[in-house]
Amino acid sequence: MVNSDSLKQEMLKHRLFFHDGNVFRVYNGFD
């Protein structure tokens, strides 16, 4: 789980470990 799309794209560069099915972006939420 990552907290930004930019971080998700950074991790997806490492295709040996990561792919669209095991990296998910969830923004930190605030009231």
PDB file of all heavy atoms in Angstrom:
ATOM      1  N   MET A   1       0.851  -1.182   0.000  1.00  0.00           N
ATOM      2  CA  MET A   1       0.000   0.000   0.000  1.00  0.00           C
ATOM      3  C   MET A   1       0.890   1.236   0.000  1.00  0.00           C
ATOM      4  O   MET A   1       1.789   1.357   0.834  1.00  0.00           O
ATOM      5  CB  MET A   1      -0.908   0.032   1.246  1.00  0.00           C
ATOM      6  CG  MET A   1      -1.738   1.319   1.354  1.00  0.00           C
ATOM      7  SD  MET A   1      -2.377   1.633   3.024  1.00  0.00           S
ATOM      8  CE  MET A   1      -3.680   0.428   3.105  1.00  0.00           C
ATOM      9  N   VAL A   2       0.641   2.164  -0.917  1.00  0.00           N
ATOM     10  CA  VAL A   2       1.356   3.434  -0.958  1.00  0.00           C
ATOM     11  C   VAL A   2       0.334   4.568  -0.868  1.00  0.00           C
ATOM     12  O   VAL A   2      -0.865   4.350  -1.032  1.00  0.00           O
ATOM     13  CB  VAL A   2       2.209   3.569  -2.239  1.00  0.00           C
ATOM     14  CG1 VAL A   2       3.288   2.505  -2.275  1.00  0.00           C
ATOM     15  CG2 VAL A   2       1.335   3.497  -3.498  1.00  0.00           C
ATOM     16  N   ASN A   3       0.822   5.788  -0.602  1.00  0.00           N
ATOM     17  CA  ASN A   3      -0.102   6.886  -0.348  1.00  0.00           C
ATOM     18  C   ASN A   3      -0.127   7.953  -1.435  1.00  0.00           C
ATOM     19  O   ASN A   3      -0.678   9.030  -1.236  1.00  0.00           O
ATOM     20  CB  ASN A   3       0.214   7.536   1.002  1.00  0.00           C
ATOM     21  CG  ASN A   3       1.629   8.086   1.061  1.00  0.00           C
ATOM     22  OD1 ASN A   3       2.354   8.090   0.074  1.00  0.00           O
ATOM     23  ND2 ASN A   3       2.031   8.556   2.240  1.00  0.00           N
ATOM     24  N   SER A   4       0.482   7.655  -2.596  1.00  0.00           N
ATOM     25  CA  SER A   4       0.397   8.602  -3.707  1.00  0.00           C
ATOM     26  C   SER A   4       0.595   7.859  -5.016  1.00  0.00           C
ATOM     27  O   SER A   4       1.235   6.797  -5.061  1.00  0.00           O
ATOM     28  CB  SER A   4       1.442   9.708  -3.569  1.00  0.00           C
ATOM     29  OG  SER A   4       2.749   9.204  -3.775  1.00  0.00           O
ATOM     30  N   ASP A   5       0.045   8.404  -6.100  1.00  0.00           N
ATOM     31  CA  ASP A   5       0.217   7.793  -7.410  1.00  0.00           C
ATOM     32  C   ASP A   5       1.675   7.873  -7.861  1.00  0.00           C
ATOM     33  O   ASP A   5       2.172   6.971  -8.535  1.00  0.00           O
ATOM     34  CB  ASP A   5      -0.685   8.487  -8.435  1.00  0.00           C
ATOM     35  CG  ASP A   5      -2.135   8.029  -8.322  1.00  0.00           C
ATOM     36  OD1 ASP A   5      -2.358   6.839  -8.015  1.00  0.00           O
ATOM     37  OD2 ASP A   5      -3.039   8.853  -8.529  1.00  0.00           O
ATOM     38  N   SER A   6       2.348   8.960  -7.504  1.00  0.00           N
ATOM     39  CA  SER A   6       3.745   9.093  -7.903  1.00  0.00           C
ATOM     40  C   SER A   6       4.601   8.009  -7.255  1.00  0.00           C
ATOM     41  O   SER A   6       5.508   7.451  -7.891  1.00  0.00           O
ATOM     42  CB  SER A   6       4.278  10.480  -7.547  1.00  0.00           C
ATOM     43  OG  SER A   6       4.163  10.731  -6.157  1.00  0.00           O
ATOM     44  N   LEU A   7       4.312   7.678  -6.010  1.00  0.00           N
ATOM     45  CA  LEU A   7       5.060   6.613  -5.333  1.00  0.00           C
ATOM     46  C   LEU A   7       4.707   5.253  -5.928  1.00  0.00           C
ATOM     47  O   LEU A   7       5.573   4.383  -6.082  1.00  0.00           O
ATOM     48  CB  LEU A   7       4.759   6.648  -3.838  1.00  0.00           C
ATOM     49  CG  LEU A   7       5.563   5.709  -2.934  1.00  0.00           C
ATOM     50  CD1 LEU A   7       7.054   5.835  -3.184  1.00  0.00           C
ATOM     51  CD2 LEU A   7       5.251   5.998  -1.468  1.00  0.00           C
ATOM     52  N   LYS A   8       3.455   5.073  -6.293  1.00  0.00           N
ATOM     53  CA  LYS A   8       3.056   3.818  -6.937  1.00  0.00           C
ATOM     54  C   LYS A   8       3.818   3.618  -8.241  1.00  0.00           C
ATOM     55  O   LYS A   8       4.364   2.534  -8.502  1.00  0.00           O
ATOM     56  CB  LYS A   8       1.550   3.808  -7.206  1.00  0.00           C
ATOM     57  CG  LYS A   8       1.073   2.553  -7.937  1.00  0.00           C
ATOM     58  CD  LYS A   8      -0.434   2.560  -8.156  1.00  0.00           C
ATOM     59  CE  LYS A   8      -0.869   1.316  -8.927  1.00  0.00           C
ATOM     60  NZ  LYS A   8      -2.338   1.268  -9.132  1.00  0.00           N
ATOM     61  N   GLN A   9       3.887   4.654  -9.050  1.00  0.00           N
ATOM     62  CA  GLN A   9       4.598   4.542 -10.326  1.00  0.00           C
ATOM     63  C   GLN A   9       6.088   4.287 -10.109  1.00  0.00           C
ATOM     64  O   GLN A   9       6.717   3.556 -10.881  1.00  0.00           O
ATOM     65  CB  GLN A   9       4.386   5.811 -11.154  1.00  0.00           C
ATOM     66  CG  GLN A   9       2.947   6.018 -11.612  1.00  0.00           C
ATOM     67  CD  GLN A   9       2.370   4.799 -12.319  1.00  0.00           C
ATOM     68  OE1 GLN A   9       3.012   4.221 -13.207  1.00  0.00           O
ATOM     69  NE2 GLN A   9       1.172   4.381 -11.909  1.00  0.00           N
ATOM     70  N   GLU A  10       6.638   4.877  -9.061  1.00  0.00           N
ATOM     71  CA  GLU A  10       8.046   4.643  -8.747  1.00  0.00           C
ATOM     72  C   GLU A  10       8.291   3.174  -8.413  1.00  0.00           C
ATOM     73  O   GLU A  10       9.277   2.576  -8.866  1.00  0.00           O
ATOM     74  CB  GLU A  10       8.464   5.530  -7.575  1.00  0.00           C
ATOM     75  CG  GLU A  10       9.914   5.432  -7.169  1.00  0.00           C
ATOM     76  CD  GLU A  10      10.873   5.953  -8.233  1.00  0.00           C
ATOM     77  OE1 GLU A  10      10.474   6.833  -9.015  1.00  0.00           O
ATOM     78  OE2 GLU A  10      12.022   5.471  -8.269  1.00  0.00           O
ATOM     79  N   MET A  11       7.404   2.571  -7.628  1.00  0.00           N
ATOM     80  CA  MET A  11       7.585   1.175  -7.243  1.00  0.00           C
ATOM     81  C   MET A  11       7.319   0.228  -8.413  1.00  0.00           C
ATOM     82  O   MET A  11       7.955  -0.819  -8.524  1.00  0.00           O
ATOM     83  CB  MET A  11       6.663   0.834  -6.058  1.00  0.00           C
ATOM     84  CG  MET A  11       6.900   1.687  -4.809  1.00  0.00           C
ATOM     85  SD  MET A  11       8.655   1.871  -4.356  1.00  0.00           S
ATOM     86  CE  MET A  11       9.064   0.189  -3.879  1.00  0.00           C
ATOM     87  N   LEU A  12       6.403   0.596  -9.313  1.00  0.00           N
ATOM     88  CA  LEU A  12       6.097  -0.268 -10.455  1.00  0.00           C
ATOM     89  C   LEU A  12       7.250  -0.359 -11.457  1.00  0.00           C
ATOM     90  O   LEU A  12       7.225  -1.209 -12.349  1.00  0.00           O
ATOM     91  CB  LEU A  12       4.823   0.217 -11.153  1.00  0.00           C
ATOM     92  CG  LEU A  12       3.512  -0.063 -10.417  1.00  0.00           C
ATOM     93  CD1 LEU A  12       2.343   0.560 -11.155  1.00  0.00           C
ATOM     94  CD2 LEU A  12       3.285  -1.571 -10.229  1.00  0.00           C
ATOM     95  N   LYS A  13       8.243   0.497 -11.305  1.00  0.00           N
ATOM     96  CA  LYS A  13       9.432   0.388 -12.152  1.00  0.00           C
ATOM     97  C   LYS A  13      10.200  -0.908 -11.860  1.00  0.00           C
ATOM     98  O   LYS A  13      10.937  -1.406 -12.712  1.00  0.00           O
ATOM     99  CB  LYS A  13      10.355   1.583 -11.934  1.00  0.00           C
ATOM    100  CG  LYS A  13       9.781   2.916 -12.414  1.00  0.00           C
ATOM    101  CD  LYS A  13      10.738   4.058 -12.078  1.00  0.00           C
ATOM    102  CE  LYS A  13      10.165   5.397 -12.504  1.00  0.00           C
ATOM    103  NZ  LYS A  13      11.066   6.533 -12.126  1.00  0.00           N
ATOM    104  N   HIS A  14      10.010  -1.447 -10.653  1.00  0.00           N
ATOM    105  CA  HIS A  14      10.707  -2.678 -10.240  1.00  0.00           C
ATOM    106  C   HIS A  14       9.810  -3.877 -10.563  1.00  0.00           C
ATOM    107  O   HIS A  14       9.164  -4.455  -9.678  1.00  0.00           O
ATOM    108  CB  HIS A  14      11.031  -2.620  -8.751  1.00  0.00           C
ATOM    109  CG  HIS A  14      11.822  -1.410  -8.351  1.00  0.00           C
ATOM    110  ND1 HIS A  14      13.160  -1.275  -8.628  1.00  0.00           N
ATOM    111  CD2 HIS A  14      11.447  -0.268  -7.716  1.00  0.00           C
ATOM    112  CE1 HIS A  14      13.586  -0.103  -8.166  1.00  0.00           C
ATOM    113  NE2 HIS A  14      12.566   0.524  -7.612  1.00  0.00           N
ATOM    114  N   ARG A  15       9.761  -4.247 -11.831  1.00  0.00           N
ATOM    115  CA  ARG A  15       8.806  -5.248 -12.310  1.00  0.00           C
ATOM    116  C   ARG A  15       9.093  -6.658 -11.795  1.00  0.00           C
ATOM    117  O   ARG A  15       8.224  -7.536 -11.876  1.00  0.00           O
ATOM    118  CB  ARG A  15       8.789  -5.245 -13.837  1.00  0.00           C
ATOM    119  CG  ARG A  15       8.075  -4.023 -14.418  1.00  0.00           C
ATOM    120  CD  ARG A  15       6.588  -4.090 -14.114  1.00  0.00           C
ATOM    121  NE  ARG A  15       5.866  -2.904 -14.595  1.00  0.00           N
ATOM    122  CZ  ARG A  15       4.560  -2.730 -14.459  1.00  0.00           C
ATOM    123  NH1 ARG A  15       3.839  -3.657 -13.850  1.00  0.00           N
ATOM    124  NH2 ARG A  15       3.985  -1.644 -14.909  1.00  0.00           N
ATOM    125  N   LEU A  16      10.282  -6.885 -11.288  1.00  0.00           N
ATOM    126  CA  LEU A  16      10.587  -8.210 -10.744  1.00  0.00           C
ATOM    127  C   LEU A  16       9.749  -8.499  -9.505  1.00  0.00           C
ATOM    128  O   LEU A  16       9.446  -9.660  -9.208  1.00  0.00           O
ATOM    129  CB  LEU A  16      12.079  -8.301 -10.404  1.00  0.00           C
ATOM    130  CG  LEU A  16      12.585  -9.643  -9.852  1.00  0.00           C
ATOM    131  CD1 LEU A  16      12.375 -10.763 -10.878  1.00  0.00           C
ATOM    132  CD2 LEU A  16      14.052  -9.547  -9.467  1.00  0.00           C
ATOM    133  N   PHE A  17       9.362  -7.433  -8.788  1.00  0.00           N
ATOM    134  CA  PHE A  17       8.635  -7.611  -7.531  1.00  0.00           C
ATOM    135  C   PHE A  17       7.192  -7.107  -7.600  1.00  0.00           C
ATOM    136  O   PHE A  17       6.307  -7.663  -6.963  1.00  0.00           O
ATOM    137  CB  PHE A  17       9.345  -6.863  -6.390  1.00  0.00           C
ATOM    138  CG  PHE A  17      10.839  -6.882  -6.481  1.00  0.00           C
ATOM    139  CD1 PHE A  17      11.557  -5.734  -6.748  1.00  0.00           C
ATOM    140  CD2 PHE A  17      11.531  -8.073  -6.318  1.00  0.00           C
ATOM    141  CE1 PHE A  17      12.935  -5.751  -6.844  1.00  0.00           C
ATOM    142  CE2 PHE A  17      12.907  -8.104  -6.406  1.00  0.00           C
ATOM    143  CZ  PHE A  17      13.618  -6.945  -6.681  1.00  0.00           C
ATOM    144  N   PHE A  18       6.978  -6.027  -8.355  1.00  0.00           N
ATOM    145  CA  PHE A  18       5.693  -5.329  -8.287  1.00  0.00           C
ATOM    146  C   PHE A  18       4.972  -5.308  -9.629  1.00  0.00           C
ATOM    147  O   PHE A  18       5.600  -5.268 -10.695  1.00  0.00           O
ATOM    148  CB  PHE A  18       5.904  -3.883  -7.814  1.00  0.00           C
ATOM    149  CG  PHE A  18       6.576  -3.771  -6.477  1.00  0.00           C
ATOM    150  CD1 PHE A  18       7.840  -3.196  -6.354  1.00  0.00           C
ATOM    151  CD2 PHE A  18       5.955  -4.250  -5.330  1.00  0.00           C
ATOM    152  CE1 PHE A  18       8.462  -3.098  -5.125  1.00  0.00           C
ATOM    153  CE2 PHE A  18       6.568  -4.159  -4.088  1.00  0.00           C
ATOM    154  CZ  PHE A  18       7.832  -3.586  -3.990  1.00  0.00           C
ATOM    155  N   HIS A  19       3.654  -5.315  -9.535  1.00  0.00           N
ATOM    156  CA  HIS A  19       2.796  -5.214 -10.705  1.00  0.00           C
ATOM    157  C   HIS A  19       1.483  -4.571 -10.256  1.00  0.00           C
ATOM    158  O   HIS A  19       1.282  -4.310  -9.058  1.00  0.00           O
ATOM    159  CB  HIS A  19       2.559  -6.595 -11.328  1.00  0.00           C
ATOM    160  CG  HIS A  19       2.086  -7.630 -10.350  1.00  0.00           C
ATOM    161  ND1 HIS A  19       0.769  -7.740  -9.934  1.00  0.00           N
ATOM    162  CD2 HIS A  19       2.772  -8.588  -9.671  1.00  0.00           C
ATOM    163  CE1 HIS A  19       0.649  -8.724  -9.075  1.00  0.00           C
ATOM    164  NE2 HIS A  19       1.854  -9.260  -8.884  1.00  0.00           N
ATOM    165  N   ASP A  20       0.599  -4.309 -11.191  1.00  0.00           N
ATOM    166  CA  ASP A  20      -0.647  -3.608 -10.857  1.00  0.00           C
ATOM    167  C   ASP A  20      -1.524  -4.392  -9.880  1.00  0.00           C
ATOM    168  O   ASP A  20      -2.400  -3.807  -9.238  1.00  0.00           O
ATOM    169  CB  ASP A  20      -1.450  -3.310 -12.126  1.00  0.00           C
ATOM    170  CG  ASP A  20      -0.855  -2.159 -12.928  1.00  0.00           C
ATOM    171  OD1 ASP A  20      -0.340  -1.223 -12.291  1.00  0.00           O
ATOM    172  OD2 ASP A  20      -0.891  -2.206 -14.170  1.00  0.00           O
ATOM    173  N   GLY A  21      -1.287  -5.686  -9.765  1.00  0.00           N
ATOM    174  CA  GLY A  21      -2.107  -6.486  -8.865  1.00  0.00           C
ATOM    175  C   GLY A  21      -1.609  -6.551  -7.439  1.00  0.00           C
ATOM    176  O   GLY A  21      -2.304  -7.094  -6.567  1.00  0.00           O
ATOM    177  N   ASN A  22      -0.400  -6.005  -7.154  1.00  0.00           N
ATOM    178  CA  ASN A  22       0.070  -6.060  -5.760  1.00  0.00           C
ATOM    179  C   ASN A  22       0.563  -4.712  -5.228  1.00  0.00           C
ATOM    180  O   ASN A  22       1.175  -4.665  -4.159  1.00  0.00           O
ATOM    181  CB  ASN A  22       1.134  -7.150  -5.577  1.00  0.00           C
ATOM    182  CG  ASN A  22       2.471  -6.805  -6.230  1.00  0.00           C
ATOM    183  OD1 ASN A  22       2.612  -5.794  -6.921  1.00  0.00           O
ATOM    184  ND2 ASN A  22       3.464  -7.666  -6.010  1.00  0.00           N
ATOM    185  N   VAL A  23       0.304  -3.632  -5.957  1.00  0.00           N
ATOM    186  CA  VAL A  23       0.603  -2.287  -5.466  1.00  0.00           C
ATOM    187  C   VAL A  23      -0.665  -1.444  -5.568  1.00  0.00           C
ATOM    188  O   VAL A  23      -1.236  -1.304  -6.659  1.00  0.00           O
ATOM    189  CB  VAL A  23       1.736  -1.613  -6.272  1.00  0.00           C
ATOM    190  CG1 VAL A  23       2.036  -0.230  -5.683  1.00  0.00           C
ATOM    191  CG2 VAL A  23       2.991  -2.470  -6.282  1.00  0.00           C
ATOM    192  N   PHE A  24      -1.098  -0.883  -4.447  1.00  0.00           N
ATOM    193  CA  PHE A  24      -2.348  -0.138  -4.411  1.00  0.00           C
ATOM    194  C   PHE A  24      -2.128   1.218  -3.745  1.00  0.00           C
ATOM    195  O   PHE A  24      -1.460   1.312  -2.712  1.00  0.00           O
ATOM    196  CB  PHE A  24      -3.424  -0.907  -3.636  1.00  0.00           C
ATOM    197  CG  PHE A  24      -3.768  -2.221  -4.272  1.00  0.00           C
ATOM    198  CD1 PHE A  24      -3.066  -3.374  -3.946  1.00  0.00           C
ATOM    199  CD2 PHE A  24      -4.783  -2.301  -5.212  1.00  0.00           C
ATOM    200  CE1 PHE A  24      -3.372  -4.589  -4.531  1.00  0.00           C
ATOM    201  CE2 PHE A  24      -5.099  -3.522  -5.815  1.00  0.00           C
ATOM    202  CZ  PHE A  24      -4.395  -4.666  -5.476  1.00  0.00           C
ATOM    203  N   ARG A  25      -2.679   2.245  -4.338  1.00  0.00           N
ATOM    204  CA  ARG A  25      -2.614   3.595  -3.773  1.00  0.00           C
ATOM    205  C   ARG A  25      -3.862   3.891  -2.961  1.00  0.00           C
ATOM    206  O   ARG A  25      -4.969   3.780  -3.448  1.00  0.00           O
ATOM    207  CB  ARG A  25      -2.466   4.638  -4.878  1.00  0.00           C
ATOM    208  CG  ARG A  25      -2.219   6.061  -4.359  1.00  0.00           C
ATOM    209  CD  ARG A  25      -3.523   6.826  -4.187  1.00  0.00           C
ATOM    210  NE  ARG A  25      -4.139   7.100  -5.458  1.00  0.00           N
ATOM    211  CZ  ARG A  25      -5.453   7.251  -5.613  1.00  0.00           C
ATOM    212  NH1 ARG A  25      -6.280   7.116  -4.593  1.00  0.00           N
ATOM    213  NH2 ARG A  25      -5.959   7.507  -6.808  1.00  0.00           N
ATOM    214  N   VAL A  26      -3.669   4.246  -1.689  1.00  0.00           N
ATOM    215  CA  VAL A  26      -4.754   4.725  -0.831  1.00  0.00           C
ATOM    216  C   VAL A  26      -4.296   6.042  -0.235  1.00  0.00           C
ATOM    217  O   VAL A  26      -3.346   6.075   0.554  1.00  0.00           O
ATOM    218  CB  VAL A  26      -5.091   3.716   0.295  1.00  0.00           C
ATOM    219  CG1 VAL A  26      -6.187   4.294   1.194  1.00  0.00           C
ATOM    220  CG2 VAL A  26      -5.524   2.374  -0.285  1.00  0.00           C
ATOM    221  N   TYR A  27      -4.943   7.127  -0.627  1.00  0.00           N
ATOM    222  CA  TYR A  27      -4.565   8.426  -0.085  1.00  0.00           C
ATOM    223  C   TYR A  27      -4.841   8.469   1.417  1.00  0.00           C
ATOM    224  O   TYR A  27      -5.838   7.916   1.895  1.00  0.00           O
ATOM    225  CB  TYR A  27      -5.374   9.544  -0.746  1.00  0.00           C
ATOM    226  CG  TYR A  27      -4.940   9.911  -2.149  1.00  0.00           C
ATOM    227  CD1 TYR A  27      -5.872  10.120  -3.156  1.00  0.00           C
ATOM    228  CD2 TYR A  27      -3.597  10.070  -2.459  1.00  0.00           C
ATOM    229  CE1 TYR A  27      -5.485  10.474  -4.442  1.00  0.00           C
ATOM    230  CE2 TYR A  27      -3.197  10.417  -3.746  1.00  0.00           C
ATOM    231  CZ  TYR A  27      -4.148  10.620  -4.733  1.00  0.00           C
ATOM    232  OH  TYR A  27      -3.755  10.972  -5.997  1.00  0.00           O
ATOM    233  N   ASN A  28      -3.961   9.152   2.156  1.00  0.00           N
ATOM    234  CA  ASN A  28      -4.238   9.415   3.562  1.00  0.00           C
ATOM    235  C   ASN A  28      -5.465  10.311   3.661  1.00  0.00           C
ATOM    236  O   ASN A  28      -5.579  11.296   2.930  1.00  0.00           O
ATOM    237  CB  ASN A  28      -3.049  10.106   4.229  1.00  0.00           C
ATOM    238  CG  ASN A  28      -1.835   9.204   4.299  1.00  0.00           C
ATOM    239  OD1 ASN A  28      -1.952   7.985   4.263  1.00  0.00           O
ATOM    240  ND2 ASN A  28      -0.658   9.791   4.392  1.00  0.00           N
ATOM    241  N   GLY A  29      -6.371   9.989   4.561  1.00  0.00           N
ATOM    242  CA  GLY A  29      -7.624  10.723   4.664  1.00  0.00           C
ATOM    243  C   GLY A  29      -7.646  11.691   5.835  1.00  0.00           C
ATOM    244  O   GLY A  29      -7.011  11.461   6.863  1.00  0.00           O
ATOM    245  N   PHE A  30      -8.411  12.755   5.667  1.00  0.00           N
ATOM    246  CA  PHE A  30      -8.541  13.763   6.713  1.00  0.00           C
ATOM    247  C   PHE A  30      -9.970  14.259   6.778  1.00  0.00           C
ATOM    248  O   PHE A  30     -10.637  14.414   5.757  1.00  0.00           O
ATOM    249  CB  PHE A  30      -7.585  14.940   6.474  1.00  0.00           C
ATOM    250  CG  PHE A  30      -6.149  14.539   6.610  1.00  0.00           C
ATOM    251  CD1 PHE A  30      -5.450  14.063   5.525  1.00  0.00           C
ATOM    252  CD2 PHE A  30      -5.516  14.586   7.842  1.00  0.00           C
ATOM    253  CE1 PHE A  30      -4.132  13.649   5.645  1.00  0.00           C
ATOM    254  CE2 PHE A  30      -4.205  14.178   7.975  1.00  0.00           C
ATOM    255  CZ  PHE A  30      -3.517  13.710   6.872  1.00  0.00           C
ATOM    256  N   ASP A  31     -10.416  14.507   7.989  1.00  0.00           N
ATOM    257  CA  ASP A  31     -11.711  15.136   8.191  1.00  0.00           C
ATOM    258  C   ASP A  31     -11.535  16.645   8.164  1.00  0.00           C
ATOM    259  O   ASP A  31     -10.642  17.183   8.823  1.00  0.00           O
ATOM    260  CB  ASP A  31     -12.318  14.733   9.547  1.00  0.00           C
ATOM    261  CG  ASP A  31     -13.042  13.404   9.470  1.00  0.00           C
ATOM    262  OD1 ASP A  31     -13.609  13.108   8.402  1.00  0.00           O
ATOM    263  OD2 ASP A  31     -13.022  12.658  10.458  1.00  0.00           O
TER     264      ASP A  31
END
